Each structure stands twice: as C-alpha cells, then as structure tokens.
Amino acid sequence: MLNKAETYFIQNMLDIIENGTTDENPRPRYESDGQPAHTQFITQVFEKYDIAKGEIPITVLRPISIKNGINEVRWIYQDQTSELSVLKEKHNIHWWDSWNIGDGTIGQRYGATVKRYDLMNKLLDGLINDPFGRRHIINLWQEKDFAETEGLKPCAFEIEISVVKRKGSDSKYIDLTLTQRSSDYLVAGHINKMQYLALQMMIAKHCSYKVGNFAHFVQNLHLYDRQIEQAKELLKRALTFEGVDRGGRKPIFTLNVPDGTNFYDITDRDFKLIGYNPIKPNMKFDLGI
C-alpha cells in the first residue's frame, strides 16, 4: 500500500498536471541547450508527518540520494559556507557547480548567510534556554546578502521550530516547519524533505529532545515541461505500487548518537535508513538553472 509521502505525491502531481498554471518568460534556462525552462505549477502546498509515530517523507518511487542530502545541509548549517570546494572536497557533492558565480562560491547565500548572522548557534541556544519561546527561526531570505553578490536566491529559505509536550509525556518534542518559495518536485522534492528531517533530528539530539512533527510548505510546486515523461513514469510506478501489500514494512530512519551530542559533531555516518528498497532504474532530468 502507498505510504503518506506517496499519497501526497500522487495528489500533488495530478493537481499540477490537471490544474497547474504554465509560466511565462521564465528566469531559468535548460542547462543542456539554454532554452527557456518552462514549468507548470500549483501553489500553497502543505504536507505534515508525525515522525514520532513512524511517518517519514520518503517514497520508493525512485532512489533518493539520502547521504548527499544530509551532507548538503551539513555544508549549510555546520560548515556555514558557500564555498563549492568545501562541498566537493569534504562531501563529494557536485550538483551546485552550475550555480558558481565565478569565484568558486554560490555567492553570499545559504551557509554564508548562516555564518554572517550566527543563525545556527542562536537557534540552538534559544531552544535550550527558552524552549517554549515562539521565535525559534532561521530565515535565509536576507536582502542585504542578495544585494552584495549575485547568486541563486534560496529555495528552502526558512525553518521554524516549536518545542511541545505531548499528552501523557513529560518529554520535550521538536516540531519543525520547512518553508520553500519554490520546489522542483521531481528532482529535489523528496530530497529536501528528508534532508531537513535529518537536520531536525540533529537539532533534537543536540538539545536532548525528541522529534515530533515535520511539516513542509511550498509556495510554488512545479514540474518542468521536459519532465513530463518522467512524471508519467513515476505516476505509473505509484499507481502500480498502490495495491502492493508491504506486510507492515516501512523504512525506518534513525540518528544513532547519544542525546546531548554536539550538533557540529554529527555526520552522515550517524544516520541509518533501514528497509528502503526504491524502484529502479533512477531517472535523469534536464535541469533548469
């Protein structure tokens, strides 16, 4: 049977195909030939998962690069740099190369913004010393930074965290909401969810809290016009898989470090994804950059 993430995927993809708006005069161009990269999109898309009850935002519809996703958020929130050399030499990730502004960086963006305003340390300090406060926010949308250098403006640009106690429990839980202005659904949609869930788990371990709800809001969820065939294939896989009995089996995602482990000491090797058997082969996509 379909899990929650796959059910969301079918609903959202059918909505894009049947009801989406086609953009005009798009900013992105296809990397392969420089032609305009048009999209069809829907707006104000929201998903919510109760991680404490075993719901995780992963699908088996195609292989997801979990390790690279985790290391990308480590580059942003642990390394706190936009230097592509760090991303490639430390984490062996090359998918940001096309956004090099010419100086070996992606500009004053993402990790460089986190460092400039000390956003990560302020968040961790607030969660520990004022857990029930309502200001646990990291916002990467900084106009001063945009004016300083060229570079792609952040897509996943904000996280908000609340600390809660669930009925019948004295434990503190972290509920995290990720907000994106834009999401290339087929290429990065589920990678973004899983990598920010990993970030949520890292923060929770640092604070000795538990992981509660993960929510994801996307203002513009889109499908590029050169992704239609891949979209149809993924829908076919989903609909075919709908009647398959998994026998109660579902992927389990864990972070295997003690409570109180320093946020900056956690690596991709501390995570385990068990029981994840995605449908193959994977797909190649013509990127709009």
Protein backbone atom coordinates (compact mmCIF):
# COMPACT_ATOMS: atom_id res chain seq x y z
CA MET A 1 0.00 0.00 0.00
CA LEU A 2 1.07 3.59 -0.54
CA ASN A 3 2.61 5.43 2.38
CA LYS A 4 1.75 9.02 3.28
CA ALA A 5 4.51 10.58 1.15
CA GLU A 6 3.43 8.60 -1.92
CA THR A 7 -0.21 9.54 -1.41
CA TYR A 8 0.79 13.21 -1.24
CA PHE A 9 2.91 12.73 -4.36
CA ILE A 10 0.04 11.35 -6.45
CA GLN A 11 -2.34 14.08 -5.29
CA ASN A 12 0.14 16.89 -5.96
CA MET A 13 1.37 15.56 -9.30
CA LEU A 14 -2.16 15.05 -10.64
CA ASP A 15 -3.06 18.56 -9.43
CA ILE A 16 -0.07 20.03 -11.28
CA ILE A 17 -0.89 18.16 -14.50
CA GLU A 18 -4.65 18.77 -14.42
CA ASN A 19 -4.93 22.21 -12.81
CA GLY A 20 -1.47 23.80 -12.87
CA THR A 21 -0.57 27.17 -14.34
CA THR A 22 2.02 27.34 -17.14
CA ASP A 23 4.51 30.14 -16.51
CA GLU A 24 5.54 32.87 -18.95
CA ASN A 25 9.01 34.35 -19.57
CA PRO A 26 10.76 32.06 -17.05
CA ARG A 27 14.07 33.05 -15.47
CA PRO A 28 15.65 29.55 -15.63
CA ARG A 29 17.20 28.13 -18.80
CA TYR A 30 17.86 24.49 -19.54
CA GLU A 31 21.47 23.65 -18.82
CA SER A 32 21.74 21.42 -21.90
CA ASP A 33 20.86 23.98 -24.59
CA GLY A 34 19.97 27.33 -22.99
CA GLN A 35 16.31 27.20 -23.98
CA PRO A 36 13.67 28.69 -21.64
CA ALA A 37 12.80 26.21 -18.87
CA HIS A 38 9.03 26.48 -18.60
CA THR A 39 7.13 24.96 -15.71
CA GLN A 40 3.60 24.00 -14.79
CA PHE A 41 2.89 24.75 -11.14
CA ILE A 42 0.47 24.81 -8.24
CA THR A 43 0.72 26.96 -5.13
CA GLN A 44 0.42 26.75 -1.34
CA VAL A 45 1.17 23.06 -0.94
CA PHE A 46 1.40 21.71 2.60
CA GLU A 47 2.43 18.29 3.92
CA LYS A 48 2.70 17.10 7.52
CA TYR A 49 4.27 13.96 9.00
CA ASP A 50 4.21 12.67 12.58
CA ILE A 51 7.77 11.41 12.85
CA ALA A 52 7.20 10.21 16.42
CA LYS A 53 4.62 7.77 15.05
CA GLY A 54 6.87 6.46 12.28
CA GLU A 55 5.70 8.62 9.37
CA ILE A 56 8.67 9.74 7.25
CA PRO A 57 8.57 11.76 4.00
CA ILE A 58 10.20 9.20 1.73
CA THR A 59 8.91 7.30 -1.29
CA VAL A 60 10.10 4.15 -3.06
CA LEU A 61 9.18 5.58 -6.48
CA ARG A 62 12.81 6.28 -7.37
CA PRO A 63 16.11 6.16 -5.47
CA ILE A 64 16.71 9.23 -3.31
CA SER A 65 20.26 10.40 -2.58
CA ILE A 66 19.89 10.46 1.19
CA LYS A 67 23.59 10.74 2.05
CA ASN A 68 24.14 13.67 -0.32
CA GLY A 69 21.03 15.38 1.00
CA ILE A 70 22.28 15.11 4.58
CA ASN A 71 25.72 16.38 3.62
CA GLU A 72 24.25 19.34 1.77
CA VAL A 73 22.51 20.55 4.94
CA ARG A 74 25.72 19.89 6.86
CA TRP A 75 27.52 22.15 4.36
CA ILE A 76 24.96 24.87 5.01
CA TYR A 77 24.39 24.60 8.77
CA GLN A 78 27.62 23.01 10.09
CA ASP A 79 30.31 24.24 7.67
CA GLN A 80 28.41 27.52 7.22
CA THR A 81 29.99 28.40 3.91
CA SER A 82 29.03 28.84 0.27
CA GLU A 83 32.47 27.65 -0.90
CA LEU A 84 31.98 24.96 -3.54
CA SER A 85 35.41 23.49 -2.80
CA VAL A 86 34.20 22.51 0.68
CA LEU A 87 31.07 20.92 -0.77
CA LYS A 88 33.07 18.91 -3.30
CA GLU A 89 36.22 18.02 -1.37
CA LYS A 90 34.61 17.31 2.00
CA HIS A 91 31.23 15.94 0.91
CA ASN A 92 31.80 14.84 -2.72
CA ILE A 93 28.74 16.77 -3.94
CA HIS A 94 28.84 18.50 -7.31
CA TRP A 95 25.23 19.44 -8.03
CA TRP A 96 25.78 23.11 -7.09
CA ASP A 97 28.55 23.60 -9.67
CA SER A 98 26.19 25.14 -12.23
CA TRP A 99 25.43 27.99 -9.79
CA ASN A 100 29.07 29.02 -9.33
CA ILE A 101 29.07 32.82 -9.66
CA GLY A 102 32.66 32.77 -10.89
CA ASP A 103 34.58 32.96 -7.64
CA GLY A 104 34.16 29.36 -6.50
CA THR A 105 31.07 30.12 -4.44
CA ILE A 106 27.30 30.39 -4.87
CA GLY A 107 27.51 33.93 -3.54
CA GLN A 108 26.52 35.36 -0.16
CA ARG A 109 23.85 32.68 0.21
CA TYR A 110 22.81 29.72 2.35
CA GLY A 111 25.76 28.75 4.60
CA ALA A 112 27.44 32.13 4.24
CA THR A 113 24.23 33.73 5.49
CA VAL A 114 24.01 31.30 8.41
CA LYS A 115 27.54 32.26 9.43
CA ARG A 116 27.15 36.02 8.93
CA TYR A 117 24.20 36.25 11.34
CA ASP A 118 25.24 33.33 13.59
CA LEU A 119 21.84 31.81 12.93
CA MET A 120 22.53 28.21 13.90
CA ASN A 121 24.12 28.95 17.26
CA LYS A 122 21.37 31.41 18.14
CA LEU A 123 18.74 28.80 17.30
CA LEU A 124 20.37 26.09 19.42
CA ASP A 125 20.86 28.46 22.35
CA GLY A 126 17.24 29.59 22.21
CA LEU A 127 15.88 26.05 22.06
CA ILE A 128 17.81 25.07 25.19
CA ASN A 129 17.39 28.23 27.27
CA ASP A 130 13.89 29.30 26.20
CA PRO A 131 12.35 26.12 24.78
CA PHE A 132 8.74 27.31 24.71
CA GLY A 133 9.57 30.61 23.06
CA ARG A 134 7.96 31.42 19.73
CA ARG A 135 11.00 32.84 17.96
CA HIS A 136 12.99 29.74 17.00
CA ILE A 137 13.51 30.71 13.37
CA ILE A 138 16.26 30.57 10.78
CA ASN A 139 15.48 32.75 7.78
CA LEU A 140 17.91 32.80 4.85
CA TRP A 141 15.98 35.46 2.90
CA GLN A 142 18.29 38.39 3.62
CA GLU A 143 18.03 41.28 1.16
CA LYS A 144 21.38 42.70 2.30
CA ASP A 145 23.06 39.48 1.18
CA PHE A 146 21.25 39.45 -2.17
CA ALA A 147 22.40 43.00 -2.89
CA GLU A 148 26.00 42.13 -2.04
CA THR A 149 26.60 39.37 -4.61
CA GLU A 150 24.99 37.52 -7.46
CA GLY A 151 23.69 34.02 -6.83
CA LEU A 152 20.56 31.89 -6.78
CA LYS A 153 18.18 33.11 -4.11
CA PRO A 154 17.40 30.42 -1.54
CA CYS A 155 14.62 27.97 -2.39
CA ALA A 156 14.35 26.32 1.03
CA PHE A 157 14.74 29.57 2.94
CA GLU A 158 13.18 29.21 6.38
CA ILE A 159 12.76 26.79 9.24
CA GLU A 160 10.56 27.41 12.27
CA ILE A 161 10.68 25.23 15.37
CA SER A 162 8.34 24.82 18.31
CA VAL A 163 9.03 22.75 21.42
CA VAL A 164 5.97 20.88 22.67
CA LYS A 165 4.97 18.29 25.25
CA ARG A 166 2.62 15.59 24.04
CA LYS A 167 -0.29 14.50 26.17
CA GLY A 168 0.78 11.88 28.67
CA SER A 169 4.51 12.54 28.23
CA ASP A 170 7.00 14.69 30.12
CA SER A 171 9.42 14.66 27.19
CA LYS A 172 10.03 17.68 25.02
CA TYR A 173 9.46 17.25 21.28
CA ILE A 174 10.65 19.43 18.40
CA ASP A 175 8.10 20.26 15.70
CA LEU A 176 9.78 21.76 12.61
CA THR A 177 8.27 23.51 9.59
CA LEU A 178 10.31 23.97 6.41
CA THR A 179 9.20 26.74 4.05
CA GLN A 180 10.21 26.84 0.39
CA ARG A 181 9.45 29.54 -2.14
CA SER A 182 9.96 27.07 -5.00
CA SER A 183 10.38 23.32 -5.43
CA ASP A 184 11.42 21.30 -8.48
CA TYR A 185 9.19 18.43 -7.39
CA LEU A 186 10.65 15.54 -9.37
CA VAL A 187 14.32 16.41 -8.89
CA ALA A 188 14.52 17.66 -5.31
CA GLY A 189 11.10 17.42 -3.67
CA HIS A 190 11.72 14.35 -1.55
CA ILE A 191 15.44 15.01 -1.07
CA ASN A 192 14.54 18.37 0.52
CA LYS A 193 12.07 16.72 2.90
CA MET A 194 14.46 14.02 4.04
CA GLN A 195 17.48 16.29 4.43
CA TYR A 196 15.54 18.76 6.58
CA LEU A 197 14.14 15.90 8.63
CA ALA A 198 17.77 14.90 9.18
CA LEU A 199 18.53 18.48 10.27
CA GLN A 200 15.56 18.34 12.67
CA MET A 201 16.92 15.11 14.16
CA MET A 202 20.38 16.65 14.58
CA ILE A 203 18.93 19.65 16.40
CA ALA A 204 16.80 17.42 18.63
CA LYS A 205 19.81 15.30 19.62
CA HIS A 206 21.85 18.41 20.48
CA CYS A 207 19.08 19.61 22.77
CA SER A 208 18.22 16.14 24.19
CA TYR A 209 14.68 16.46 22.83
CA LYS A 210 12.60 14.05 20.77
CA VAL A 211 11.45 14.52 17.16
CA GLY A 212 7.75 15.28 16.76
CA ASN A 213 6.10 16.62 13.61
CA PHE A 214 7.82 17.57 10.37
CA ALA A 215 5.85 19.91 8.11
CA HIS A 216 6.68 21.28 4.67
CA PHE A 217 5.13 24.29 2.96
CA VAL A 218 5.91 25.10 -0.70
CA GLN A 219 4.56 28.25 -2.33
CA ASN A 220 5.39 27.16 -5.92
CA LEU A 221 5.49 23.41 -6.57
CA HIS A 222 6.37 22.78 -10.19
CA LEU A 223 7.08 20.34 -12.97
CA TYR A 224 9.37 21.36 -15.83
CA ASP A 225 7.98 20.87 -19.33
CA ARG A 226 10.82 18.46 -20.18
CA GLN A 227 9.92 16.23 -17.23
CA ILE A 228 6.52 15.09 -18.49
CA GLU A 229 7.62 11.58 -19.45
CA GLN A 230 9.42 11.05 -16.14
CA ALA A 231 6.34 12.32 -14.30
CA LYS A 232 4.14 9.84 -16.11
CA GLU A 233 6.55 7.02 -15.30
CA LEU A 234 6.59 7.92 -11.60
CA LEU A 235 2.79 8.10 -11.51
CA LYS A 236 2.66 4.72 -13.20
CA ARG A 237 5.01 3.31 -10.58
CA ALA A 238 2.92 4.82 -7.78
CA LEU A 239 -0.38 3.55 -9.11
CA THR A 240 1.09 0.11 -9.75
CA PHE A 241 2.51 0.02 -6.25
CA GLU A 242 -0.78 1.16 -4.68
CA GLY A 243 -2.12 -2.36 -4.32
CA VAL A 244 1.10 -4.00 -3.16
CA ASP A 245 0.97 -5.35 0.38
CA ARG A 246 4.13 -4.30 2.23
CA GLY A 247 3.24 -6.57 5.12
CA GLY A 248 3.53 -3.71 7.58
CA ARG A 249 7.09 -2.99 6.47
CA LYS A 250 8.15 0.64 6.10
CA PRO A 251 11.50 2.42 6.02
CA ILE A 252 12.99 3.42 9.36
CA PHE A 253 15.24 6.49 9.60
CA THR A 254 17.38 6.85 12.72
CA LEU A 255 20.17 9.02 14.12
CA ASN A 256 22.40 6.85 16.24
CA VAL A 257 24.15 9.22 18.64
CA PRO A 258 23.51 9.87 22.35
CA ASP A 259 21.24 12.69 23.49
CA GLY A 260 23.29 15.81 24.04
CA THR A 261 25.70 15.13 21.18
CA ASN A 262 27.05 18.42 19.88
CA PHE A 263 25.27 19.45 16.69
CA TYR A 264 28.57 20.09 14.92
CA ASP A 265 29.90 16.61 15.67
CA ILE A 266 27.11 14.71 13.90
CA THR A 267 27.94 13.30 10.45
CA ASP A 268 26.13 11.42 7.70
CA ARG A 269 27.62 8.19 9.06
CA ASP A 270 25.49 8.54 12.20
CA PHE A 271 22.26 8.11 10.23
CA LYS A 272 20.72 4.80 9.26
CA LEU A 273 17.96 4.22 6.70
CA ILE A 274 16.65 0.70 7.14
CA GLY A 275 14.20 -1.14 4.90
CA TYR A 276 14.37 1.31 2.00
CA ASN A 277 14.05 -0.53 -1.33
CA PRO A 278 13.27 2.02 -4.08
CA ILE A 279 12.07 1.13 -7.54
CA LYS A 280 14.79 1.27 -10.20
CA PRO A 281 16.11 2.45 -12.55
CA ASN A 282 16.66 6.03 -11.43
CA MET A 283 15.93 8.92 -13.79
CA LYS A 284 17.92 11.71 -15.38
CA PHE A 285 16.47 15.20 -15.59
CA ASP A 286 17.28 18.21 -17.79
CA LEU A 287 17.95 20.91 -15.19
CA GLY A 288 16.66 24.46 -15.32
CA ILE A 289 19.32 26.79 -13.89
